[in-house]
């Protein structure tokens, strides 16, 4: 396989990552950044942005985990009904 070959699945995965990253960036920026009089982040803004990022990533991880659990249960139920 040529290293320049990119599958549709890889492109979709990268687009999903970018959408999630942009959503996280915008959400935390809007929630945490309020002082535009300086080029530097204020300590409270930096702390807020770090907390926001951490919470978002943990929430995203938990949702993915629950979705996988749901899929396993759904697949088990489907297999059980097909055996009947």
PDB file of N, CA and C in Angstrom:
ATOM      1  N   UNK A   1       0.846  -1.192   0.000  1.00  0.00           N
ATOM      2  CA  UNK A   1       0.000   0.000   0.000  1.00  0.00           C
ATOM      3  C   UNK A   1       0.881   1.242   0.000  1.00  0.00           C
ATOM      4  N   UNK A   2       0.555   2.168  -0.825  1.00  0.00           N
ATOM      5  CA  UNK A   2       1.278   3.420  -0.949  1.00  0.00           C
ATOM      6  C   UNK A   2       0.988   4.313   0.265  1.00  0.00           C
ATOM      7  N   UNK A   3       2.006   4.906   0.892  1.00  0.00           N
ATOM      8  CA  UNK A   3       1.777   5.763   2.067  1.00  0.00           C
ATOM      9  C   UNK A   3       0.883   6.962   1.785  1.00  0.00           C
ATOM     10  N   UNK A   4       0.771   7.347   0.528  1.00  0.00           N
ATOM     11  CA  UNK A   4      -0.078   8.492   0.202  1.00  0.00           C
ATOM     12  C   UNK A   4      -1.539   8.090   0.018  1.00  0.00           C
ATOM     13  N   UNK A   5      -1.807   6.788  -0.026  1.00  0.00           N
ATOM     14  CA  UNK A   5      -3.187   6.316  -0.140  1.00  0.00           C
ATOM     15  C   UNK A   5      -3.885   6.505   1.206  1.00  0.00           C
ATOM     16  N   UNK A   6      -5.020   7.190   1.157  1.00  0.00           N
ATOM     17  CA  UNK A   6      -5.794   7.438   2.368  1.00  0.00           C
ATOM     18  C   UNK A   6      -7.194   6.888   2.141  1.00  0.00           C
ATOM     19  N   UNK A   7      -7.621   6.043   3.066  1.00  0.00           N
ATOM     20  CA  UNK A   7      -8.940   5.444   2.904  1.00  0.00           C
ATOM     21  C   UNK A   7     -10.037   6.416   3.335  1.00  0.00           C
ATOM     22  N   UNK A   8     -11.229   6.140   2.883  1.00  0.00           N
ATOM     23  CA  UNK A   8     -12.382   6.958   3.256  1.00  0.00           C
ATOM     24  C   UNK A   8     -12.596   6.905   4.769  1.00  0.00           C
ATOM     25  N   UNK A   9     -12.328   5.760   5.371  1.00  0.00           N
ATOM     26  CA  UNK A   9     -12.486   5.616   6.827  1.00  0.00           C
ATOM     27  C   UNK A   9     -11.486   6.509   7.575  1.00  0.00           C
ATOM     28  N   UNK A  10     -10.262   6.597   7.086  1.00  0.00           N
ATOM     29  CA  UNK A  10      -9.265   7.474   7.708  1.00  0.00           C
ATOM     30  C   UNK A  10      -9.675   8.936   7.591  1.00  0.00           C
ATOM     31  N   UNK A  11     -10.200   9.306   6.453  1.00  0.00           N
ATOM     32  CA  UNK A  11     -10.651  10.688   6.239  1.00  0.00           C
ATOM     33  C   UNK A  11     -11.814  11.004   7.171  1.00  0.00           C
ATOM     34  N   UNK A  12     -12.768  10.072   7.268  1.00  0.00           N
ATOM     35  CA  UNK A  12     -13.911  10.280   8.158  1.00  0.00           C
ATOM     36  C   UNK A  12     -13.442  10.390   9.604  1.00  0.00           C
ATOM     37  N   UNK A  13     -12.521   9.543   9.999  1.00  0.00           N
ATOM     38  CA  UNK A  13     -11.999   9.571  11.361  1.00  0.00           C
ATOM     39  C   UNK A  13     -11.316  10.906  11.655  1.00  0.00           C
ATOM     40  N   UNK A  14     -10.552  11.405  10.703  1.00  0.00           N
ATOM     41  CA  UNK A  14      -9.869  12.683  10.887  1.00  0.00           C
ATOM     42  C   UNK A  14     -10.865  13.839  10.938  1.00  0.00           C
ATOM     43  N   UNK A  15     -11.890  13.787  10.091  1.00  0.00           N
ATOM     44  CA  UNK A  15     -12.930  14.825  10.122  1.00  0.00           C
ATOM     45  C   UNK A  15     -13.652  14.821  11.463  1.00  0.00           C
ATOM     46  N   UNK A  16     -13.968  13.631  11.974  1.00  0.00           N
ATOM     47  CA  UNK A  16     -14.621  13.517  13.283  1.00  0.00           C
ATOM     48  C   UNK A  16     -13.741  14.104  14.384  1.00  0.00           C
ATOM     49  N   UNK A  17     -12.438  13.804  14.310  1.00  0.00           N
ATOM     50  CA  UNK A  17     -11.504  14.357  15.284  1.00  0.00           C
ATOM     51  C   UNK A  17     -11.486  15.881  15.216  1.00  0.00           C
ATOM     52  N   UNK A  18     -11.415  16.422  14.015  1.00  0.00           N
ATOM     53  CA  UNK A  18     -11.377  17.881  13.861  1.00  0.00           C
ATOM     54  C   UNK A  18     -12.663  18.535  14.354  1.00  0.00           C
ATOM     55  N   UNK A  19     -13.800  17.930  14.070  1.00  0.00           N
ATOM     56  CA  UNK A  19     -15.073  18.473  14.559  1.00  0.00           C
ATOM     57  C   UNK A  19     -15.101  18.494  16.089  1.00  0.00           C
ATOM     58  N   UNK A  20     -14.657  17.411  16.679  1.00  0.00           N
ATOM     59  CA  UNK A  20     -14.633  17.326  18.142  1.00  0.00           C
ATOM     60  C   UNK A  20     -13.656  18.346  18.731  1.00  0.00           C
ATOM     61  N   UNK A  21     -12.480  18.458  18.125  1.00  0.00           N
ATOM     62  CA  UNK A  21     -11.474  19.410  18.595  1.00  0.00           C
ATOM     63  C   UNK A  21     -11.988  20.847  18.486  1.00  0.00           C
ATOM     64  N   UNK A  22     -12.617  21.165  17.365  1.00  0.00           N
ATOM     65  CA  UNK A  22     -13.141  22.516  17.179  1.00  0.00           C
ATOM     66  C   UNK A  22     -14.264  22.825  18.159  1.00  0.00           C
ATOM     67  N   UNK A  23     -15.115  21.842  18.402  1.00  0.00           N
ATOM     68  CA  UNK A  23     -16.201  22.034  19.363  1.00  0.00           C
ATOM     69  C   UNK A  23     -15.633  22.266  20.766  1.00  0.00           C
ATOM     70  N   UNK A  24     -14.667  21.464  21.142  1.00  0.00           N
ATOM     71  CA  UNK A  24     -14.007  21.623  22.446  1.00  0.00           C
ATOM     72  C   UNK A  24     -13.354  22.997  22.558  1.00  0.00           C
ATOM     73  N   UNK A  25     -12.619  23.382  21.553  1.00  0.00           N
ATOM     74  CA  UNK A  25     -11.930  24.678  21.570  1.00  0.00           C
ATOM     75  C   UNK A  25     -12.906  25.834  21.712  1.00  0.00           C
ATOM     76  N   UNK A  26     -13.958  25.810  20.917  1.00  0.00           N
ATOM     77  CA  UNK A  26     -14.931  26.898  20.961  1.00  0.00           C
ATOM     78  C   UNK A  26     -15.665  26.935  22.300  1.00  0.00           C
ATOM     79  N   UNK A  27     -16.090  25.768  22.762  1.00  0.00           N
ATOM     80  CA  UNK A  27     -16.842  25.703  24.011  1.00  0.00           C
ATOM     81  C   UNK A  27     -16.002  26.215  25.190  1.00  0.00           C
ATOM     82  N   UNK A  28     -14.776  25.750  25.303  1.00  0.00           N
ATOM     83  CA  UNK A  28     -13.924  26.166  26.423  1.00  0.00           C
ATOM     84  C   UNK A  28     -13.504  27.633  26.285  1.00  0.00           C
ATOM     85  N   UNK A  29     -13.289  28.085  25.063  1.00  0.00           N
ATOM     86  CA  UNK A  29     -12.940  29.490  24.863  1.00  0.00           C
ATOM     87  C   UNK A  29     -14.082  30.392  25.325  1.00  0.00           C
ATOM     88  N   UNK A  30     -15.290  30.088  24.875  1.00  0.00           N
ATOM     89  CA  UNK A  30     -16.450  30.903  25.234  1.00  0.00           C
ATOM     90  C   UNK A  30     -16.680  30.890  26.746  1.00  0.00           C
ATOM     91  N   UNK A  31     -16.520  29.721  27.357  1.00  0.00           N
ATOM     92  CA  UNK A  31     -16.764  29.594  28.797  1.00  0.00           C
ATOM     93  C   UNK A  31     -15.670  30.237  29.658  1.00  0.00           C
ATOM     94  N   UNK A  32     -14.440  30.248  29.172  1.00  0.00           N
ATOM     95  CA  UNK A  32     -13.314  30.590  30.061  1.00  0.00           C
ATOM     96  C   UNK A  32     -12.604  31.903  29.756  1.00  0.00           C
ATOM     97  N   UNK A  33     -12.595  32.345  28.536  1.00  0.00           N
ATOM     98  CA  UNK A  33     -11.805  33.515  28.181  1.00  0.00           C
ATOM     99  C   UNK A  33     -12.693  34.749  28.177  1.00  0.00           C
ATOM    100  N   UNK A  34     -12.312  35.716  29.015  1.00  0.00           N
ATOM    101  CA  UNK A  34     -13.146  36.914  29.150  1.00  0.00           C
ATOM    102  C   UNK A  34     -12.350  38.219  29.090  1.00  0.00           C
ATOM    103  N   UNK A  35     -11.049  38.117  29.249  1.00  0.00           N
ATOM    104  CA  UNK A  35     -10.231  39.328  29.280  1.00  0.00           C
ATOM    105  C   UNK A  35      -9.431  39.437  27.989  1.00  0.00           C
ATOM    106  N   UNK A  36      -9.807  40.407  27.154  1.00  0.00           N
ATOM    107  CA  UNK A  36      -9.125  40.594  25.877  1.00  0.00           C
ATOM    108  C   UNK A  36      -8.180  41.796  25.896  1.00  0.00           C
ATOM    109  N   UNK A  37      -7.828  42.277  27.099  1.00  0.00           N
ATOM    110  CA  UNK A  37      -6.941  43.429  27.213  1.00  0.00           C
ATOM    111  C   UNK A  37      -5.471  43.021  27.225  1.00  0.00           C
ATOM    112  N   UNK A  38      -5.191  41.719  27.265  1.00  0.00           N
ATOM    113  CA  UNK A  38      -3.814  41.242  27.319  1.00  0.00           C
ATOM    114  C   UNK A  38      -3.655  40.083  26.344  1.00  0.00           C
ATOM    115  N   UNK A  39      -2.441  39.929  25.849  1.00  0.00           N
ATOM    116  CA  UNK A  39      -2.170  38.810  24.949  1.00  0.00           C
ATOM    117  C   UNK A  39      -2.005  37.516  25.723  1.00  0.00           C
ATOM    118  N   UNK A  40      -1.753  37.610  27.020  1.00  0.00           N
ATOM    119  CA  UNK A  40      -1.514  36.436  27.854  1.00  0.00           C
ATOM    120  C   UNK A  40      -2.785  36.008  28.570  1.00  0.00           C
ATOM    121  N   UNK A  41      -2.853  34.713  28.836  1.00  0.00           N
ATOM    122  CA  UNK A  41      -3.977  34.197  29.616  1.00  0.00           C
ATOM    123  C   UNK A  41      -3.810  34.593  31.075  1.00  0.00           C
ATOM    124  N   UNK A  42      -4.910  34.922  31.691  1.00  0.00           N
ATOM    125  CA  UNK A  42      -4.915  35.150  33.128  1.00  0.00           C
ATOM    126  C   UNK A  42      -4.899  33.776  33.807  1.00  0.00           C
ATOM    127  N   UNK A  43      -4.348  33.697  35.015  1.00  0.00           N
ATOM    128  CA  UNK A  43      -4.298  32.382  35.692  1.00  0.00           C
ATOM    129  C   UNK A  43      -5.661  31.704  35.805  1.00  0.00           C
ATOM    130  N   UNK A  44      -6.718  32.463  36.106  1.00  0.00           N
ATOM    131  CA  UNK A  44      -8.044  31.853  36.233  1.00  0.00           C
ATOM    132  C   UNK A  44      -8.556  31.360  34.885  1.00  0.00           C
ATOM    133  N   UNK A  45      -8.193  32.046  33.791  1.00  0.00           N
ATOM    134  CA  UNK A  45      -8.612  31.603  32.462  1.00  0.00           C
ATOM    135  C   UNK A  45      -7.914  30.301  32.086  1.00  0.00           C
ATOM    136  N   UNK A  46      -6.634  30.239  32.385  1.00  0.00           N
ATOM    137  CA  UNK A  46      -5.870  29.028  32.078  1.00  0.00           C
ATOM    138  C   UNK A  46      -6.399  27.834  32.872  1.00  0.00           C
ATOM    139  N   UNK A  47      -6.665  28.046  34.166  1.00  0.00           N
ATOM    140  CA  UNK A  47      -7.202  26.974  35.006  1.00  0.00           C
ATOM    141  C   UNK A  47      -8.570  26.526  34.498  1.00  0.00           C
ATOM    142  N   UNK A  48      -9.412  27.478  34.147  1.00  0.00           N
ATOM    143  CA  UNK A  48     -10.734  27.164  33.610  1.00  0.00           C
ATOM    144  C   UNK A  48     -10.616  26.350  32.318  1.00  0.00           C
ATOM    145  N   UNK A  49      -9.738  26.772  31.422  1.00  0.00           N
ATOM    146  CA  UNK A  49      -9.576  26.079  30.141  1.00  0.00           C
ATOM    147  C   UNK A  49      -9.062  24.650  30.351  1.00  0.00           C
ATOM    148  N   UNK A  50      -8.132  24.469  31.274  1.00  0.00           N
ATOM    149  CA  UNK A  50      -7.626  23.127  31.564  1.00  0.00           C
ATOM    150  C   UNK A  50      -8.723  22.251  32.161  1.00  0.00           C
ATOM    151  N   UNK A  51      -9.494  22.792  33.098  1.00  0.00           N
ATOM    152  CA  UNK A  51     -10.598  22.035  33.697  1.00  0.00           C
ATOM    153  C   UNK A  51     -11.659  21.697  32.652  1.00  0.00           C
ATOM    154  N   UNK A  52     -11.973  22.657  31.812  1.00  0.00           N
ATOM    155  CA  UNK A  52     -12.976  22.454  30.760  1.00  0.00           C
ATOM    156  C   UNK A  52     -12.525  21.339  29.816  1.00  0.00           C
ATOM    157  N   UNK A  53     -11.283  21.386  29.400  1.00  0.00           N
ATOM    158  CA  UNK A  53     -10.748  20.374  28.496  1.00  0.00           C
ATOM    159  C   UNK A  53     -10.779  18.999  29.140  1.00  0.00           C
ATOM    160  N   UNK A  54     -10.349  18.927  30.374  1.00  0.00           N
ATOM    161  CA  UNK A  54     -10.320  17.648  31.080  1.00  0.00           C
ATOM    162  C   UNK A  54     -11.734  17.060  31.216  1.00  0.00           C
ATOM    163  N   UNK A  55     -12.678  17.893  31.603  1.00  0.00           N
ATOM    164  CA  UNK A  55     -14.066  17.421  31.753  1.00  0.00           C
ATOM    165  C   UNK A  55     -14.635  16.966  30.416  1.00  0.00           C
ATOM    166  N   UNK A  56     -14.378  17.711  29.363  1.00  0.00           N
ATOM    167  CA  UNK A  56     -14.896  17.355  28.040  1.00  0.00           C
ATOM    168  C   UNK A  56     -14.328  16.014  27.588  1.00  0.00           C
ATOM    169  N   UNK A  57     -13.016  15.833  27.763  1.00  0.00           N
ATOM    170  CA  UNK A  57     -12.387  14.588  27.331  1.00  0.00           C
ATOM    171  C   UNK A  57     -12.880  13.397  28.157  1.00  0.00           C
ATOM    172  N   UNK A  58     -13.043  13.588  29.455  1.00  0.00           N
ATOM    173  CA  UNK A  58     -13.569  12.512  30.302  1.00  0.00           C
ATOM    174  C   UNK A  58     -15.005  12.176  29.923  1.00  0.00           C
ATOM    175  N   UNK A  59     -15.801  13.200  29.647  1.00  0.00           N
ATOM    176  CA  UNK A  59     -17.188  12.985  29.235  1.00  0.00           C
ATOM    177  C   UNK A  59     -17.234  12.234  27.905  1.00  0.00           C
ATOM    178  N   UNK A  60     -16.407  12.629  26.981  1.00  0.00           N
ATOM    179  CA  UNK A  60     -16.360  11.987  25.677  1.00  0.00           C
ATOM    180  C   UNK A  60     -15.939  10.522  25.818  1.00  0.00           C
ATOM    181  N   UNK A  61     -14.956  10.264  26.668  1.00  0.00           N
ATOM    182  CA  UNK A  61     -14.495   8.898  26.910  1.00  0.00           C
ATOM    183  C   UNK A  61     -15.605   8.055  27.538  1.00  0.00           C
ATOM    184  N   UNK A  62     -16.323   8.627  28.491  1.00  0.00           N
ATOM    185  CA  UNK A  62     -17.405   7.903  29.171  1.00  0.00           C
ATOM    186  C   UNK A  62     -18.546   7.593  28.196  1.00  0.00           C
ATOM    187  N   UNK A  63     -18.888   8.539  27.353  1.00  0.00           N
ATOM    188  CA  UNK A  63     -19.939   8.302  26.366  1.00  0.00           C
ATOM    189  C   UNK A  63     -19.524   7.179  25.412  1.00  0.00           C
ATOM    190  N   UNK A  64     -18.287   7.195  24.972  1.00  0.00           N
ATOM    191  CA  UNK A  64     -17.791   6.135  24.080  1.00  0.00           C
ATOM    192  C   UNK A  64     -17.842   4.777  24.769  1.00  0.00           C
ATOM    193  N   UNK A  65     -17.459   4.755  26.024  1.00  0.00           N
ATOM    194  CA  UNK A  65     -17.479   3.515  26.797  1.00  0.00           C
ATOM    195  C   UNK A  65     -18.905   2.984  26.931  1.00  0.00           C
ATOM    196  N   UNK A  66     -19.839   3.859  27.270  1.00  0.00           N
ATOM    197  CA  UNK A  66     -21.237   3.448  27.415  1.00  0.00           C
ATOM    198  C   UNK A  66     -21.805   2.985  26.074  1.00  0.00           C
ATOM    199  N   UNK A  67     -21.428   3.649  24.992  1.00  0.00           N
ATOM    200  CA  UNK A  67     -21.892   3.247  23.670  1.00  0.00           C
ATOM    201  C   UNK A  67     -21.396   1.845  23.342  1.00  0.00           C
ATOM    202  N   UNK A  68     -20.135   1.551  23.653  1.00  0.00           N
ATOM    203  CA  UNK A  68     -19.589   0.216  23.407  1.00  0.00           C
ATOM    204  C   UNK A  68     -20.320  -0.828  24.245  1.00  0.00           C
ATOM    205  N   UNK A  69     -20.601  -0.498  25.507  1.00  0.00           N
ATOM    206  CA  UNK A  69     -21.349  -1.414  26.364  1.00  0.00           C
ATOM    207  C   UNK A  69     -22.734  -1.673  25.773  1.00  0.00           C
ATOM    208  N   UNK A  70     -23.382  -0.621  25.313  1.00  0.00           N
ATOM    209  CA  UNK A  70     -24.703  -0.751  24.705  1.00  0.00           C
ATOM    210  C   UNK A  70     -24.638  -1.631  23.459  1.00  0.00           C
ATOM    211  N   UNK A  71     -23.631  -1.433  22.630  1.00  0.00           N
ATOM    212  CA  UNK A  71     -23.480  -2.227  21.412  1.00  0.00           C
ATOM    213  C   UNK A  71     -23.283  -3.700  21.740  1.00  0.00           C
ATOM    214  N   UNK A  72     -22.511  -3.997  22.763  1.00  0.00           N
ATOM    215  CA  UNK A  72     -22.285  -5.396  23.158  1.00  0.00           C
ATOM    216  C   UNK A  72     -23.605  -6.039  23.583  1.00  0.00           C
ATOM    217  N   UNK A  73     -24.370  -5.322  24.402  1.00  0.00           N
ATOM    218  CA  UNK A  73     -25.665  -5.841  24.859  1.00  0.00           C
ATOM    219  C   UNK A  73     -26.616  -6.021  23.678  1.00  0.00           C
ATOM    220  N   UNK A  74     -26.652  -5.052  22.791  1.00  0.00           N
ATOM    221  CA  UNK A  74     -27.527  -5.140  21.616  1.00  0.00           C
ATOM    222  C   UNK A  74     -27.141  -6.326  20.751  1.00  0.00           C
ATOM    223  N   UNK A  75     -25.840  -6.555  20.552  1.00  0.00           N
ATOM    224  CA  UNK A  75     -25.378  -7.686  19.742  1.00  0.00           C
ATOM    225  C   UNK A  75     -25.725  -9.012  20.408  1.00  0.00           C
ATOM    226  N   UNK A  76     -25.569  -9.080  21.742  1.00  0.00           N
ATOM    227  CA  UNK A  76     -25.926 -10.287  22.471  1.00  0.00           C
ATOM    228  C   UNK A  76     -27.419 -10.571  22.350  1.00  0.00           C
ATOM    229  N   UNK A  77     -28.236  -9.528  22.470  1.00  0.00           N
ATOM    230  CA  UNK A  77     -29.687  -9.688  22.344  1.00  0.00           C
ATOM    231  C   UNK A  77     -30.062 -10.137  20.931  1.00  0.00           C
ATOM    232  N   UNK A  78     -29.423  -9.582  19.945  1.00  0.00           N
ATOM    233  CA  UNK A  78     -29.683  -9.966  18.560  1.00  0.00           C
ATOM    234  C   UNK A  78     -29.304 -11.424  18.330  1.00  0.00           C
ATOM    235  N   UNK A  79     -28.155 -11.828  18.852  1.00  0.00           N
ATOM    236  CA  UNK A  79     -27.726 -13.219  18.699  1.00  0.00           C
ATOM    237  C   UNK A  79     -28.679 -14.160  19.416  1.00  0.00           C
ATOM    238  N   UNK A  80     -29.177 -13.771  20.576  1.00  0.00           N
ATOM    239  CA  UNK A  80     -30.110 -14.616  21.328  1.00  0.00           C
ATOM    240  C   UNK A  80     -31.431 -14.764  20.576  1.00  0.00           C
ATOM    241  N   UNK A  81     -31.907 -13.680  19.960  1.00  0.00           N
ATOM    242  CA  UNK A  81     -33.175 -13.760  19.234  1.00  0.00           C
ATOM    243  C   UNK A  81     -33.033 -14.570  17.946  1.00  0.00           C
ATOM    244  N   UNK A  82     -31.861 -14.540  17.353  1.00  0.00           N
ATOM    245  CA  UNK A  82     -31.641 -15.304  16.126  1.00  0.00           C
ATOM    246  C   UNK A  82     -31.553 -16.798  16.392  1.00  0.00           C
ATOM    247  N   UNK A  83     -31.190 -17.180  17.617  1.00  0.00           N
ATOM    248  CA  UNK A  83     -31.102 -18.596  17.973  1.00  0.00           C
ATOM    249  C   UNK A  83     -32.477 -19.194  18.207  1.00  0.00           C
ATOM    250  N   UNK A  84     -33.464 -18.339  18.485  1.00  0.00           N
ATOM    251  CA  UNK A  84     -34.815 -18.844  18.761  1.00  0.00           C
ATOM    252  C   UNK A  84     -35.529 -19.308  17.542  1.00  0.00           C
TER     253      UNK A  84
END
